[in-house]
Amino acid sequence: MHNSISRDYFVGDHGAPFDRGKGACYESSVKIPFLLVDPTIKGAKGVSNSLVSTVDIFPTIIEMLGKEKPLDVQGESLIPILDNSNLKVREYLYTEFNFHINSSDSFYPRRTIRNNKYKLILNLLSPEMENNIVGIDGDMAYQLSQTEKYDSTWVRQIFNRYKSPPQVELYDLENDPNEIHNLAGKEEFASIENELKSQLENWMKETNDIETKEMLKSISPF
């Protein structure tokens, strides 16, 4: 008789492509549920606050099979976290967005880096172009944010920023989880902004981000 062991991975979708939804790089755009079930692991059970990505799933499986990760594979094995939920496998987490559908009207590339506290978003076409990915699937959030009800409110502020974003956005996710207050350009946050910019630039080079390289010729944020 052949005994098989079921290892199950459950990853959620990013939801609807609404404004500040998965058509962007905010936490409401990229944060999804991820569950891993493996009866062979006897370590900690529960919830981990470690930074993980879907690119970490394959390296995790590779290690479970007792193999070495190929050099050209991104991601980190999550085995250390499964053994101890308080550990972490990465210092930074990277995300990116290019377009919603294959159309020039929906192309608005963004690159993102975050650590446990801060998050930096690089809007590659700002300030040359506004973001045209507004109102997908009939979403009325941006239009409603422009009504009198939201005059002088943070709702108007964040949706105006979504429509016409600055080149750099920086947020303190610990104290501002909804990414309302942009800290980019503020002197007291210059060191963390420069650190995240540098790490993001290294990641773009390591991943051979061709589109980014072309954009950098004209807007050069670093």
N, C-alpha and C. Protein backbone atom coordinates (compact mmCIF):
# COMPACT_ATOMS: atom_id res chain seq x y z
N MET A 1 0.85 -1.19 0.00
CA MET A 1 0.00 0.00 0.00
C MET A 1 0.89 1.24 0.00
N HIS A 2 0.50 2.23 -0.78
CA HIS A 2 1.26 3.48 -0.85
C HIS A 2 0.62 4.52 0.05
N ASN A 3 1.39 5.03 1.01
CA ASN A 3 0.89 6.07 1.90
C ASN A 3 1.34 7.43 1.41
N SER A 4 0.43 8.30 1.18
CA SER A 4 0.77 9.66 0.72
C SER A 4 0.45 10.67 1.81
N ILE A 5 1.23 11.74 1.85
CA ILE A 5 1.03 12.81 2.82
C ILE A 5 0.53 14.04 2.09
N SER A 6 -0.53 14.61 2.59
CA SER A 6 -1.12 15.79 1.94
C SER A 6 -0.52 17.07 2.52
N ARG A 7 0.13 17.84 1.66
CA ARG A 7 0.63 19.15 2.04
C ARG A 7 -0.21 20.17 1.28
N ASP A 8 -0.91 21.01 1.98
CA ASP A 8 -1.87 21.91 1.36
C ASP A 8 -1.45 23.37 1.54
N TYR A 9 -1.56 24.13 0.45
CA TYR A 9 -1.27 25.56 0.45
C TYR A 9 -2.50 26.30 -0.04
N PHE A 10 -2.94 27.28 0.71
CA PHE A 10 -4.11 28.06 0.33
C PHE A 10 -3.71 29.53 0.24
N VAL A 11 -3.88 30.11 -0.93
CA VAL A 11 -3.53 31.51 -1.15
C VAL A 11 -4.76 32.23 -1.67
N GLY A 12 -5.11 33.36 -1.06
CA GLY A 12 -6.28 34.12 -1.49
C GLY A 12 -6.00 34.97 -2.72
N ASP A 13 -7.07 35.41 -3.35
CA ASP A 13 -6.97 36.33 -4.47
C ASP A 13 -6.86 37.75 -3.93
N HIS A 14 -6.51 38.70 -4.80
CA HIS A 14 -6.35 40.09 -4.38
C HIS A 14 -7.66 40.88 -4.45
N GLY A 15 -8.75 40.20 -4.71
CA GLY A 15 -10.04 40.88 -4.71
C GLY A 15 -10.33 41.60 -6.01
N ALA A 16 -11.33 42.46 -5.98
CA ALA A 16 -11.74 43.18 -7.18
C ALA A 16 -10.72 44.27 -7.55
N PRO A 17 -10.62 44.62 -8.84
CA PRO A 17 -9.66 45.64 -9.28
C PRO A 17 -10.17 47.06 -9.06
N PHE A 18 -10.74 47.31 -7.89
CA PHE A 18 -11.30 48.63 -7.61
C PHE A 18 -10.19 49.62 -7.29
N ASP A 19 -10.55 50.91 -7.24
CA ASP A 19 -9.59 51.95 -6.90
C ASP A 19 -8.97 51.65 -5.53
N ARG A 20 -7.66 51.72 -5.48
CA ARG A 20 -6.88 51.35 -4.29
C ARG A 20 -7.06 49.87 -3.95
N GLY A 21 -7.58 49.09 -4.91
CA GLY A 21 -7.62 47.64 -4.79
C GLY A 21 -6.42 47.06 -5.50
N LYS A 22 -6.60 45.93 -6.18
CA LYS A 22 -5.44 45.24 -6.72
C LYS A 22 -4.84 45.92 -7.96
N GLY A 23 -5.40 47.07 -8.36
CA GLY A 23 -4.79 47.84 -9.43
C GLY A 23 -3.75 48.81 -8.92
N ALA A 24 -3.22 48.58 -7.71
CA ALA A 24 -2.23 49.48 -7.13
C ALA A 24 -1.27 48.64 -6.27
N CYS A 25 -0.54 49.29 -5.38
CA CYS A 25 0.42 48.58 -4.53
C CYS A 25 0.25 48.91 -3.06
N TYR A 26 -0.95 49.35 -2.67
CA TYR A 26 -1.22 49.60 -1.26
C TYR A 26 -1.44 48.27 -0.54
N GLU A 27 -1.48 48.30 0.77
CA GLU A 27 -1.70 47.06 1.51
C GLU A 27 -3.05 46.44 1.15
N SER A 28 -4.05 47.27 0.89
CA SER A 28 -5.34 46.75 0.45
C SER A 28 -5.26 46.15 -0.95
N SER A 29 -4.16 46.41 -1.65
CA SER A 29 -3.98 45.88 -3.00
C SER A 29 -3.23 44.56 -3.01
N VAL A 30 -2.27 44.39 -2.10
CA VAL A 30 -1.35 43.26 -2.20
C VAL A 30 -1.41 42.28 -1.04
N LYS A 31 -2.05 42.65 0.06
CA LYS A 31 -2.06 41.77 1.24
C LYS A 31 -3.16 40.72 1.09
N ILE A 32 -2.77 39.46 1.12
CA ILE A 32 -3.73 38.37 0.92
C ILE A 32 -3.51 37.29 1.97
N PRO A 33 -4.53 36.47 2.23
CA PRO A 33 -4.37 35.37 3.19
C PRO A 33 -3.53 34.24 2.60
N PHE A 34 -2.76 33.59 3.44
CA PHE A 34 -1.92 32.47 3.02
C PHE A 34 -1.90 31.45 4.14
N LEU A 35 -2.38 30.26 3.86
CA LEU A 35 -2.42 29.17 4.85
C LEU A 35 -1.59 28.00 4.34
N LEU A 36 -0.83 27.39 5.23
CA LEU A 36 -0.03 26.22 4.89
C LEU A 36 -0.32 25.13 5.90
N VAL A 37 -0.67 23.96 5.38
CA VAL A 37 -0.97 22.80 6.23
C VAL A 37 -0.04 21.66 5.84
N ASP A 38 0.75 21.20 6.80
CA ASP A 38 1.68 20.09 6.54
C ASP A 38 1.77 19.23 7.79
N PRO A 39 1.19 18.05 7.78
CA PRO A 39 1.16 17.21 8.98
C PRO A 39 2.53 16.68 9.38
N THR A 40 3.54 16.81 8.52
CA THR A 40 4.87 16.30 8.87
C THR A 40 5.65 17.29 9.72
N ILE A 41 5.19 18.52 9.81
CA ILE A 41 5.90 19.55 10.58
C ILE A 41 5.39 19.56 12.01
N LYS A 42 6.28 19.45 12.95
CA LYS A 42 5.91 19.37 14.36
C LYS A 42 6.19 20.66 15.10
N GLY A 43 6.50 21.72 14.37
CA GLY A 43 6.86 22.99 15.01
C GLY A 43 5.65 23.78 15.44
N ALA A 44 5.86 25.10 15.51
CA ALA A 44 4.81 26.00 16.00
C ALA A 44 3.61 26.03 15.07
N LYS A 45 2.46 26.22 15.67
CA LYS A 45 1.23 26.36 14.90
C LYS A 45 0.62 27.72 15.22
N GLY A 46 -0.08 28.28 14.26
CA GLY A 46 -0.74 29.55 14.51
C GLY A 46 -0.44 30.56 13.43
N VAL A 47 -0.44 31.82 13.82
CA VAL A 47 -0.28 32.93 12.89
C VAL A 47 1.09 33.55 13.05
N SER A 48 1.73 33.82 11.91
CA SER A 48 3.03 34.49 11.92
C SER A 48 2.88 35.87 11.30
N ASN A 49 3.57 36.85 11.86
CA ASN A 49 3.58 38.20 11.31
C ASN A 49 4.79 38.44 10.40
N SER A 50 5.52 37.39 10.08
CA SER A 50 6.69 37.53 9.23
C SER A 50 6.28 37.94 7.81
N LEU A 51 7.17 38.66 7.15
CA LEU A 51 6.94 39.06 5.77
C LEU A 51 7.17 37.87 4.86
N VAL A 52 6.14 37.48 4.11
CA VAL A 52 6.27 36.36 3.17
C VAL A 52 5.61 36.74 1.86
N SER A 53 5.99 36.01 0.82
CA SER A 53 5.46 36.26 -0.52
C SER A 53 5.10 34.93 -1.17
N THR A 54 4.27 35.00 -2.20
CA THR A 54 3.93 33.77 -2.94
C THR A 54 5.17 33.18 -3.62
N VAL A 55 6.19 34.00 -3.87
CA VAL A 55 7.42 33.45 -4.47
C VAL A 55 8.16 32.55 -3.49
N ASP A 56 7.75 32.56 -2.22
CA ASP A 56 8.39 31.72 -1.21
C ASP A 56 7.82 30.30 -1.19
N ILE A 57 6.71 30.08 -1.87
CA ILE A 57 6.07 28.76 -1.81
C ILE A 57 6.95 27.69 -2.47
N PHE A 58 7.47 27.98 -3.66
CA PHE A 58 8.27 26.99 -4.37
C PHE A 58 9.55 26.63 -3.60
N PRO A 59 10.33 27.60 -3.10
CA PRO A 59 11.50 27.24 -2.31
C PRO A 59 11.15 26.42 -1.06
N THR A 60 9.98 26.68 -0.48
CA THR A 60 9.55 25.90 0.68
C THR A 60 9.33 24.44 0.30
N ILE A 61 8.66 24.23 -0.82
CA ILE A 61 8.41 22.85 -1.30
C ILE A 61 9.73 22.15 -1.62
N ILE A 62 10.64 22.89 -2.25
CA ILE A 62 11.93 22.32 -2.60
C ILE A 62 12.66 21.82 -1.35
N GLU A 63 12.65 22.64 -0.28
CA GLU A 63 13.33 22.22 0.95
C GLU A 63 12.62 21.03 1.59
N MET A 64 11.28 21.01 1.53
CA MET A 64 10.54 19.89 2.09
C MET A 64 10.91 18.57 1.40
N LEU A 65 11.27 18.68 0.12
CA LEU A 65 11.65 17.50 -0.65
C LEU A 65 13.12 17.14 -0.47
N GLY A 66 13.82 17.94 0.35
CA GLY A 66 15.22 17.66 0.59
C GLY A 66 16.14 18.07 -0.54
N LYS A 67 15.69 18.98 -1.39
CA LYS A 67 16.49 19.44 -2.51
C LYS A 67 17.02 20.86 -2.25
N GLU A 68 18.01 21.25 -3.05
CA GLU A 68 18.55 22.60 -2.95
C GLU A 68 17.85 23.52 -3.94
N LYS A 69 17.60 24.75 -3.52
CA LYS A 69 16.92 25.72 -4.37
C LYS A 69 17.83 26.12 -5.53
N PRO A 70 17.32 26.09 -6.77
CA PRO A 70 18.11 26.56 -7.91
C PRO A 70 18.51 28.02 -7.72
N LEU A 71 19.67 28.38 -8.21
CA LEU A 71 20.21 29.71 -7.99
C LEU A 71 19.34 30.81 -8.59
N ASP A 72 18.64 30.51 -9.69
CA ASP A 72 17.87 31.55 -10.37
C ASP A 72 16.42 31.64 -9.88
N VAL A 73 16.10 30.98 -8.79
CA VAL A 73 14.74 31.00 -8.24
C VAL A 73 14.65 32.05 -7.15
N GLN A 74 13.66 32.92 -7.27
CA GLN A 74 13.43 33.92 -6.23
C GLN A 74 12.72 33.28 -5.04
N GLY A 75 12.71 33.99 -3.94
CA GLY A 75 11.97 33.53 -2.77
C GLY A 75 12.84 32.81 -1.76
N GLU A 76 12.28 32.65 -0.57
CA GLU A 76 12.97 32.01 0.54
C GLU A 76 12.09 30.91 1.13
N SER A 77 12.72 29.85 1.58
CA SER A 77 11.97 28.78 2.22
C SER A 77 11.34 29.28 3.52
N LEU A 78 10.12 28.87 3.76
CA LEU A 78 9.39 29.28 4.96
C LEU A 78 9.52 28.27 6.09
N ILE A 79 10.35 27.25 5.91
CA ILE A 79 10.52 26.23 6.95
C ILE A 79 10.91 26.82 8.31
N PRO A 80 11.84 27.80 8.36
CA PRO A 80 12.17 28.38 9.67
C PRO A 80 10.95 28.97 10.38
N ILE A 81 10.04 29.59 9.63
CA ILE A 81 8.84 30.17 10.23
C ILE A 81 7.91 29.07 10.72
N LEU A 82 7.84 27.97 9.97
CA LEU A 82 6.98 26.87 10.37
C LEU A 82 7.48 26.24 11.67
N ASP A 83 8.78 26.27 11.86
CA ASP A 83 9.34 25.74 13.10
C ASP A 83 9.20 26.71 14.26
N ASN A 84 9.20 28.01 13.93
CA ASN A 84 9.10 29.04 14.97
C ASN A 84 8.44 30.27 14.35
N SER A 85 7.18 30.53 14.68
CA SER A 85 6.43 31.61 14.05
C SER A 85 6.97 33.00 14.37
N ASN A 86 7.89 33.10 15.34
CA ASN A 86 8.47 34.39 15.69
C ASN A 86 9.67 34.75 14.83
N LEU A 87 10.17 33.79 14.05
CA LEU A 87 11.31 34.05 13.19
C LEU A 87 10.87 34.74 11.90
N LYS A 88 11.83 35.21 11.11
CA LYS A 88 11.54 35.80 9.82
C LYS A 88 12.56 35.33 8.81
N VAL A 89 12.16 35.27 7.55
CA VAL A 89 13.05 34.78 6.50
C VAL A 89 13.52 35.91 5.59
N ARG A 90 12.96 37.10 5.76
CA ARG A 90 13.36 38.23 4.92
C ARG A 90 13.22 39.53 5.69
N GLU A 91 14.06 40.49 5.30
CA GLU A 91 14.03 41.82 5.90
C GLU A 91 13.07 42.73 5.15
N TYR A 92 12.97 42.48 3.83
CA TYR A 92 12.15 43.34 2.98
C TYR A 92 11.20 42.49 2.13
N LEU A 93 10.09 43.10 1.76
CA LEU A 93 9.12 42.47 0.88
C LEU A 93 8.89 43.39 -0.31
N TYR A 94 8.91 42.83 -1.51
CA TYR A 94 8.77 43.62 -2.73
C TYR A 94 7.49 43.24 -3.47
N THR A 95 6.84 44.24 -4.02
CA THR A 95 5.67 44.00 -4.87
C THR A 95 5.75 44.93 -6.07
N GLU A 96 4.98 44.59 -7.11
CA GLU A 96 4.97 45.43 -8.30
C GLU A 96 3.62 45.37 -8.99
N PHE A 97 3.35 46.41 -9.75
CA PHE A 97 2.14 46.46 -10.57
C PHE A 97 2.52 47.11 -11.90
N ASN A 98 1.99 46.56 -13.01
CA ASN A 98 2.23 47.15 -14.32
C ASN A 98 0.94 47.61 -14.99
N PHE A 99 0.00 46.67 -15.16
CA PHE A 99 -1.26 47.04 -15.81
C PHE A 99 -2.37 46.08 -15.38
N HIS A 100 -3.60 46.54 -15.55
CA HIS A 100 -4.74 45.69 -15.21
C HIS A 100 -5.09 44.77 -16.37
N ILE A 101 -5.19 45.33 -17.56
CA ILE A 101 -5.37 44.57 -18.79
C ILE A 101 -4.32 45.03 -19.78
N ASN A 102 -4.12 44.26 -20.81
CA ASN A 102 -3.07 44.59 -21.77
C ASN A 102 -3.50 45.76 -22.66
N SER A 103 -3.44 46.94 -22.08
CA SER A 103 -3.87 48.15 -22.77
C SER A 103 -3.06 49.32 -22.27
N SER A 104 -2.73 50.23 -23.16
CA SER A 104 -1.95 51.40 -22.75
C SER A 104 -2.73 52.27 -21.76
N ASP A 105 -4.05 52.23 -21.82
CA ASP A 105 -4.87 53.03 -20.89
C ASP A 105 -4.77 52.51 -19.46
N SER A 106 -4.43 51.25 -19.29
CA SER A 106 -4.38 50.68 -17.94
C SER A 106 -2.95 50.44 -17.47
N PHE A 107 -1.98 51.02 -18.16
CA PHE A 107 -0.58 50.83 -17.80
C PHE A 107 -0.14 51.95 -16.87
N TYR A 108 0.16 51.60 -15.63
CA TYR A 108 0.67 52.57 -14.67
C TYR A 108 1.60 51.84 -13.71
N PRO A 109 2.85 51.62 -14.11
CA PRO A 109 3.77 50.77 -13.34
C PRO A 109 4.17 51.37 -12.00
N ARG A 110 4.19 50.52 -10.99
CA ARG A 110 4.58 50.89 -9.65
C ARG A 110 5.49 49.80 -9.10
N ARG A 111 6.43 50.20 -8.25
CA ARG A 111 7.29 49.24 -7.57
C ARG A 111 7.26 49.57 -6.08
N THR A 112 7.30 48.53 -5.25
CA THR A 112 7.10 48.73 -3.82
C THR A 112 8.09 47.91 -3.00
N ILE A 113 8.51 48.49 -1.91
CA ILE A 113 9.30 47.77 -0.92
C ILE A 113 8.78 48.13 0.46
N ARG A 114 8.78 47.15 1.36
CA ARG A 114 8.39 47.41 2.74
C ARG A 114 9.22 46.54 3.67
N ASN A 115 9.36 47.03 4.90
CA ASN A 115 9.90 46.21 5.98
C ASN A 115 8.78 46.04 7.00
N ASN A 116 9.10 45.70 8.22
CA ASN A 116 8.04 45.47 9.21
C ASN A 116 7.29 46.73 9.60
N LYS A 117 7.87 47.90 9.32
CA LYS A 117 7.25 49.15 9.77
C LYS A 117 6.93 50.11 8.63
N TYR A 118 7.83 50.27 7.69
CA TYR A 118 7.66 51.29 6.66
C TYR A 118 7.48 50.67 5.27
N LYS A 119 6.81 51.46 4.42
CA LYS A 119 6.58 51.02 3.04
C LYS A 119 6.81 52.18 2.09
N LEU A 120 7.55 51.91 1.02
CA LEU A 120 7.82 52.91 0.00
C LEU A 120 7.26 52.45 -1.33
N ILE A 121 6.51 53.34 -2.00
CA ILE A 121 5.95 53.06 -3.31
C ILE A 121 6.59 54.01 -4.32
N LEU A 122 7.08 53.45 -5.41
CA LEU A 122 7.66 54.23 -6.49
C LEU A 122 6.71 54.21 -7.68
N ASN A 123 6.16 55.37 -8.03
CA ASN A 123 5.25 55.50 -9.17
C ASN A 123 6.08 55.94 -10.38
N LEU A 124 6.32 55.00 -11.30
CA LEU A 124 7.32 55.21 -12.33
C LEU A 124 6.94 56.25 -13.38
N LEU A 125 5.66 56.49 -13.58
CA LEU A 125 5.25 57.46 -14.60
C LEU A 125 4.94 58.84 -14.05
N SER A 126 5.02 58.99 -12.74
CA SER A 126 4.77 60.30 -12.14
C SER A 126 6.03 61.15 -12.28
N PRO A 127 5.89 62.44 -12.60
CA PRO A 127 4.65 63.21 -12.78
C PRO A 127 4.22 63.36 -14.23
N GLU A 128 4.85 62.61 -15.15
CA GLU A 128 4.54 62.75 -16.57
C GLU A 128 3.10 62.38 -16.91
N MET A 129 2.53 61.41 -16.20
CA MET A 129 1.19 60.93 -16.52
C MET A 129 0.37 60.76 -15.26
N GLU A 130 -0.94 61.00 -15.39
CA GLU A 130 -1.87 60.65 -14.32
C GLU A 130 -2.20 59.17 -14.42
N ASN A 131 -2.72 58.62 -13.36
CA ASN A 131 -3.16 57.24 -13.34
C ASN A 131 -4.56 57.15 -13.95
N ASN A 132 -4.67 56.43 -15.08
CA ASN A 132 -5.96 56.30 -15.75
C ASN A 132 -6.75 55.08 -15.30
N ILE A 133 -6.18 54.29 -14.39
CA ILE A 133 -6.88 53.07 -13.95
C ILE A 133 -7.83 53.43 -12.83
N VAL A 134 -8.89 54.10 -13.18
CA VAL A 134 -9.88 54.57 -12.21
C VAL A 134 -11.26 54.10 -12.65
N GLY A 135 -12.04 53.56 -11.71
CA GLY A 135 -13.41 53.18 -12.01
C GLY A 135 -13.56 51.86 -12.73
N ILE A 136 -12.61 50.94 -12.55
CA ILE A 136 -12.71 49.63 -13.20
C ILE A 136 -13.93 48.87 -12.66
N ASP A 137 -14.60 48.17 -13.57
CA ASP A 137 -15.77 47.36 -13.21
C ASP A 137 -16.86 48.18 -12.53
N GLY A 138 -16.96 49.46 -12.90
CA GLY A 138 -18.02 50.30 -12.37
C GLY A 138 -17.79 50.83 -10.97
N ASP A 139 -16.58 50.69 -10.46
CA ASP A 139 -16.28 51.20 -9.12
C ASP A 139 -16.44 52.72 -9.10
N MET A 140 -17.21 53.22 -8.14
CA MET A 140 -17.51 54.65 -8.06
C MET A 140 -16.74 55.35 -6.95
N ALA A 141 -15.77 54.69 -6.35
CA ALA A 141 -15.09 55.26 -5.19
C ALA A 141 -14.45 56.60 -5.50
N TYR A 142 -13.72 56.69 -6.61
CA TYR A 142 -13.06 57.96 -6.92
C TYR A 142 -14.09 59.06 -7.16
N GLN A 143 -15.13 58.76 -7.95
CA GLN A 143 -16.15 59.76 -8.23
C GLN A 143 -16.84 60.23 -6.95
N LEU A 144 -17.13 59.29 -6.06
CA LEU A 144 -17.78 59.66 -4.80
C LEU A 144 -16.86 60.50 -3.92
N SER A 145 -15.55 60.23 -3.99
CA SER A 145 -14.61 60.99 -3.18
C SER A 145 -14.55 62.46 -3.59
N GLN A 146 -15.02 62.76 -4.79
CA GLN A 146 -15.00 64.13 -5.29
C GLN A 146 -16.28 64.91 -4.97
N THR A 147 -17.24 64.27 -4.32
CA THR A 147 -18.48 64.94 -3.99
C THR A 147 -18.30 65.83 -2.76
N GLU A 148 -19.24 66.72 -2.56
CA GLU A 148 -19.15 67.71 -1.49
C GLU A 148 -18.99 67.08 -0.12
N LYS A 149 -19.58 65.91 0.06
CA LYS A 149 -19.53 65.23 1.36
C LYS A 149 -18.09 65.02 1.84
N TYR A 150 -17.15 64.87 0.90
CA TYR A 150 -15.77 64.56 1.27
C TYR A 150 -14.82 65.73 1.09
N ASP A 151 -15.36 66.93 1.02
CA ASP A 151 -14.51 68.12 0.97
C ASP A 151 -13.62 68.16 2.22
N SER A 152 -12.33 68.42 2.02
CA SER A 152 -11.37 68.60 3.12
C SER A 152 -11.27 67.38 4.03
N THR A 153 -11.46 66.18 3.48
CA THR A 153 -11.34 64.95 4.27
C THR A 153 -10.18 64.11 3.75
N TRP A 154 -9.76 63.14 4.57
CA TRP A 154 -8.70 62.23 4.14
C TRP A 154 -9.15 61.34 2.99
N VAL A 155 -10.45 61.13 2.86
CA VAL A 155 -10.96 60.32 1.75
C VAL A 155 -10.63 60.99 0.42
N ARG A 156 -10.94 62.29 0.32
CA ARG A 156 -10.60 63.04 -0.89
C ARG A 156 -9.09 63.01 -1.12
N GLN A 157 -8.34 63.16 -0.04
CA GLN A 157 -6.88 63.22 -0.13
C GLN A 157 -6.30 61.95 -0.73
N ILE A 158 -6.71 60.78 -0.24
CA ILE A 158 -6.08 59.54 -0.70
C ILE A 158 -6.51 59.18 -2.13
N PHE A 159 -7.75 59.52 -2.50
CA PHE A 159 -8.17 59.21 -3.86
C PHE A 159 -7.59 60.19 -4.87
N ASN A 160 -7.36 61.43 -4.47
CA ASN A 160 -6.64 62.36 -5.35
C ASN A 160 -5.20 61.88 -5.55
N ARG A 161 -4.60 61.35 -4.50
CA ARG A 161 -3.25 60.82 -4.61
C ARG A 161 -3.22 59.58 -5.50
N TYR A 162 -4.27 58.78 -5.44
CA TYR A 162 -4.36 57.60 -6.30
C TYR A 162 -4.45 58.02 -7.76
N LYS A 163 -5.21 59.07 -8.04
CA LYS A 163 -5.39 59.54 -9.41
C LYS A 163 -4.15 60.26 -9.92
N SER A 164 -3.51 61.07 -9.09
CA SER A 164 -2.31 61.82 -9.48
C SER A 164 -1.23 61.61 -8.42
N PRO A 165 -0.62 60.44 -8.41
CA PRO A 165 0.33 60.12 -7.34
C PRO A 165 1.65 60.85 -7.49
N PRO A 166 2.31 61.12 -6.39
CA PRO A 166 3.67 61.66 -6.44
C PRO A 166 4.62 60.54 -6.88
N GLN A 167 5.84 60.91 -7.20
CA GLN A 167 6.79 59.90 -7.64
C GLN A 167 7.10 58.90 -6.52
N VAL A 168 7.16 59.38 -5.29
CA VAL A 168 7.48 58.51 -4.15
C VAL A 168 6.43 58.68 -3.07
N GLU A 169 5.98 57.55 -2.52
CA GLU A 169 5.10 57.53 -1.36
C GLU A 169 5.77 56.72 -0.26
N LEU A 170 5.71 57.22 0.95
CA LEU A 170 6.31 56.54 2.10
C LEU A 170 5.31 56.53 3.24
N TYR A 171 5.06 55.35 3.81
CA TYR A 171 4.06 55.23 4.86
C TYR A 171 4.61 54.47 6.07
N ASP A 172 4.16 54.90 7.24
CA ASP A 172 4.45 54.21 8.48
C ASP A 172 3.29 53.24 8.72
N LEU A 173 3.46 52.00 8.34
CA LEU A 173 2.37 51.03 8.40
C LEU A 173 1.95 50.69 9.83
N GLU A 174 2.86 50.90 10.75
CA GLU A 174 2.55 50.60 12.15
C GLU A 174 1.55 51.60 12.72
N ASN A 175 1.75 52.88 12.39
CA ASN A 175 0.88 53.94 12.90
C ASN A 175 -0.14 54.44 11.89
N ASP A 176 0.02 54.05 10.65
CA ASP A 176 -0.86 54.51 9.57
C ASP A 176 -1.13 53.34 8.62
N PRO A 177 -1.83 52.29 9.09
CA PRO A 177 -2.02 51.08 8.29
C PRO A 177 -2.84 51.29 7.03
N ASN A 178 -3.64 52.35 6.98
CA ASN A 178 -4.44 52.62 5.79
C ASN A 178 -3.73 53.50 4.77
N GLU A 179 -2.47 53.82 5.04
CA GLU A 179 -1.61 54.56 4.11
C GLU A 179 -2.26 55.88 3.68
N ILE A 180 -2.52 56.70 4.68
CA ILE A 180 -3.16 58.00 4.45
C ILE A 180 -2.12 59.11 4.38
N HIS A 181 -1.13 59.08 5.27
CA HIS A 181 -0.19 60.19 5.41
C HIS A 181 1.14 59.86 4.72
N ASN A 182 1.39 60.53 3.60
CA ASN A 182 2.62 60.31 2.85
C ASN A 182 3.78 61.04 3.53
N LEU A 183 4.80 60.28 3.93
CA LEU A 183 5.94 60.84 4.66
C LEU A 183 7.13 61.13 3.75
N ALA A 184 7.00 60.83 2.46
CA ALA A 184 8.12 61.04 1.54
C ALA A 184 8.49 62.52 1.47
N GLY A 185 9.79 62.78 1.49
CA GLY A 185 10.28 64.15 1.41
C GLY A 185 10.40 64.85 2.73
N LYS A 186 9.91 64.23 3.81
CA LYS A 186 10.02 64.85 5.13
C LYS A 186 11.41 64.55 5.72
N GLU A 187 12.04 65.60 6.22
CA GLU A 187 13.42 65.49 6.68
C GLU A 187 13.61 64.41 7.73
N GLU A 188 12.67 64.28 8.64
CA GLU A 188 12.83 63.33 9.75
C GLU A 188 12.74 61.87 9.28
N PHE A 189 12.25 61.64 8.05
CA PHE A 189 12.15 60.29 7.52
C PHE A 189 13.10 60.06 6.34
N ALA A 190 14.03 60.98 6.15
CA ALA A 190 14.94 60.90 4.99
C ALA A 190 15.79 59.64 5.01
N SER A 191 16.28 59.24 6.19
CA SER A 191 17.16 58.08 6.25
C SER A 191 16.44 56.80 5.87
N ILE A 192 15.21 56.61 6.35
CA ILE A 192 14.47 55.40 6.00
C ILE A 192 14.04 55.44 4.54
N GLU A 193 13.70 56.62 4.02
CA GLU A 193 13.35 56.74 2.61
C GLU A 193 14.53 56.36 1.73
N ASN A 194 15.71 56.86 2.05
CA ASN A 194 16.91 56.55 1.26
C ASN A 194 17.28 55.08 1.35
N GLU A 195 17.12 54.50 2.54
CA GLU A 195 17.41 53.07 2.70
C GLU A 195 16.51 52.22 1.83
N LEU A 196 15.21 52.52 1.87
CA LEU A 196 14.26 51.73 1.08
C LEU A 196 14.46 51.94 -0.41
N LYS A 197 14.76 53.16 -0.82
CA LYS A 197 15.04 53.42 -2.23
C LYS A 197 16.23 52.60 -2.71
N SER A 198 17.28 52.57 -1.91
CA SER A 198 18.48 51.84 -2.27
C SER A 198 18.21 50.35 -2.39
N GLN A 199 17.49 49.79 -1.43
CA GLN A 199 17.16 48.37 -1.46
C GLN A 199 16.25 48.04 -2.65
N LEU A 200 15.32 48.94 -2.97
CA LEU A 200 14.42 48.72 -4.09
C LEU A 200 15.18 48.75 -5.41
N GLU A 201 16.11 49.68 -5.54
CA GLU A 201 16.92 49.77 -6.75
C GLU A 201 17.74 48.48 -6.94
N ASN A 202 18.31 47.96 -5.85
CA ASN A 202 19.07 46.72 -5.94
C ASN A 202 18.19 45.56 -6.40
N TRP A 203 16.99 45.49 -5.86
CA TRP A 203 16.06 44.42 -6.24
C TRP A 203 15.68 44.51 -7.71
N MET A 204 15.44 45.73 -8.20
CA MET A 204 15.08 45.90 -9.61
C MET A 204 16.22 45.47 -10.53
N LYS A 205 17.45 45.74 -10.10
CA LYS A 205 18.60 45.30 -10.89
C LYS A 205 18.74 43.78 -10.85
N GLU A 206 18.57 43.21 -9.67
CA GLU A 206 18.72 41.76 -9.52
C GLU A 206 17.67 40.99 -10.31
N THR A 207 16.47 41.55 -10.44
CA THR A 207 15.39 40.87 -11.15
C THR A 207 15.31 41.28 -12.61
N ASN A 208 16.30 42.05 -13.08
CA ASN A 208 16.37 42.44 -14.49
C ASN A 208 15.07 43.10 -14.95
N ASP A 209 14.66 44.09 -14.19
CA ASP A 209 13.40 44.79 -14.44
C ASP A 209 13.56 45.73 -15.64
N ILE A 210 13.37 45.19 -16.82
CA ILE A 210 13.62 45.93 -18.06
C ILE A 210 12.74 47.16 -18.16
N GLU A 211 11.45 47.01 -17.86
CA GLU A 211 10.53 48.14 -17.97
C GLU A 211 10.96 49.28 -17.05
N THR A 212 11.41 48.90 -15.85
CA THR A 212 11.85 49.92 -14.91
C THR A 212 13.08 50.64 -15.43
N LYS A 213 14.02 49.91 -16.00
CA LYS A 213 15.22 50.52 -16.52
C LYS A 213 14.89 51.56 -17.58
N GLU A 214 13.91 51.23 -18.43
CA GLU A 214 13.52 52.18 -19.47
C GLU A 214 12.89 53.43 -18.86
N MET A 215 12.06 53.25 -17.83
CA MET A 215 11.43 54.36 -17.16
C MET A 215 12.48 55.25 -16.46
N LEU A 216 13.48 54.60 -15.89
CA LEU A 216 14.49 55.34 -15.13
C LEU A 216 15.30 56.28 -16.02
N LYS A 217 15.33 56.02 -17.32
CA LYS A 217 16.07 56.91 -18.21
C LYS A 217 15.50 58.33 -18.20
N SER A 218 14.19 58.42 -17.98
CA SER A 218 13.56 59.74 -18.04
C SER A 218 13.22 60.31 -16.67
N ILE A 219 12.94 59.44 -15.67
CA ILE A 219 12.50 60.01 -14.40
C ILE A 219 13.51 59.82 -13.28
N SER A 220 14.43 58.88 -13.40
CA SER A 220 15.55 58.68 -12.48
C SER A 220 15.27 59.10 -11.04
N PRO A 221 14.54 58.28 -10.27
CA PRO A 221 14.19 58.65 -8.91
C PRO A 221 15.32 58.46 -7.90
N PHE A 222 16.42 57.84 -8.28
CA PHE A 222 17.47 57.52 -7.32
C PHE A 222 18.66 58.45 -7.46
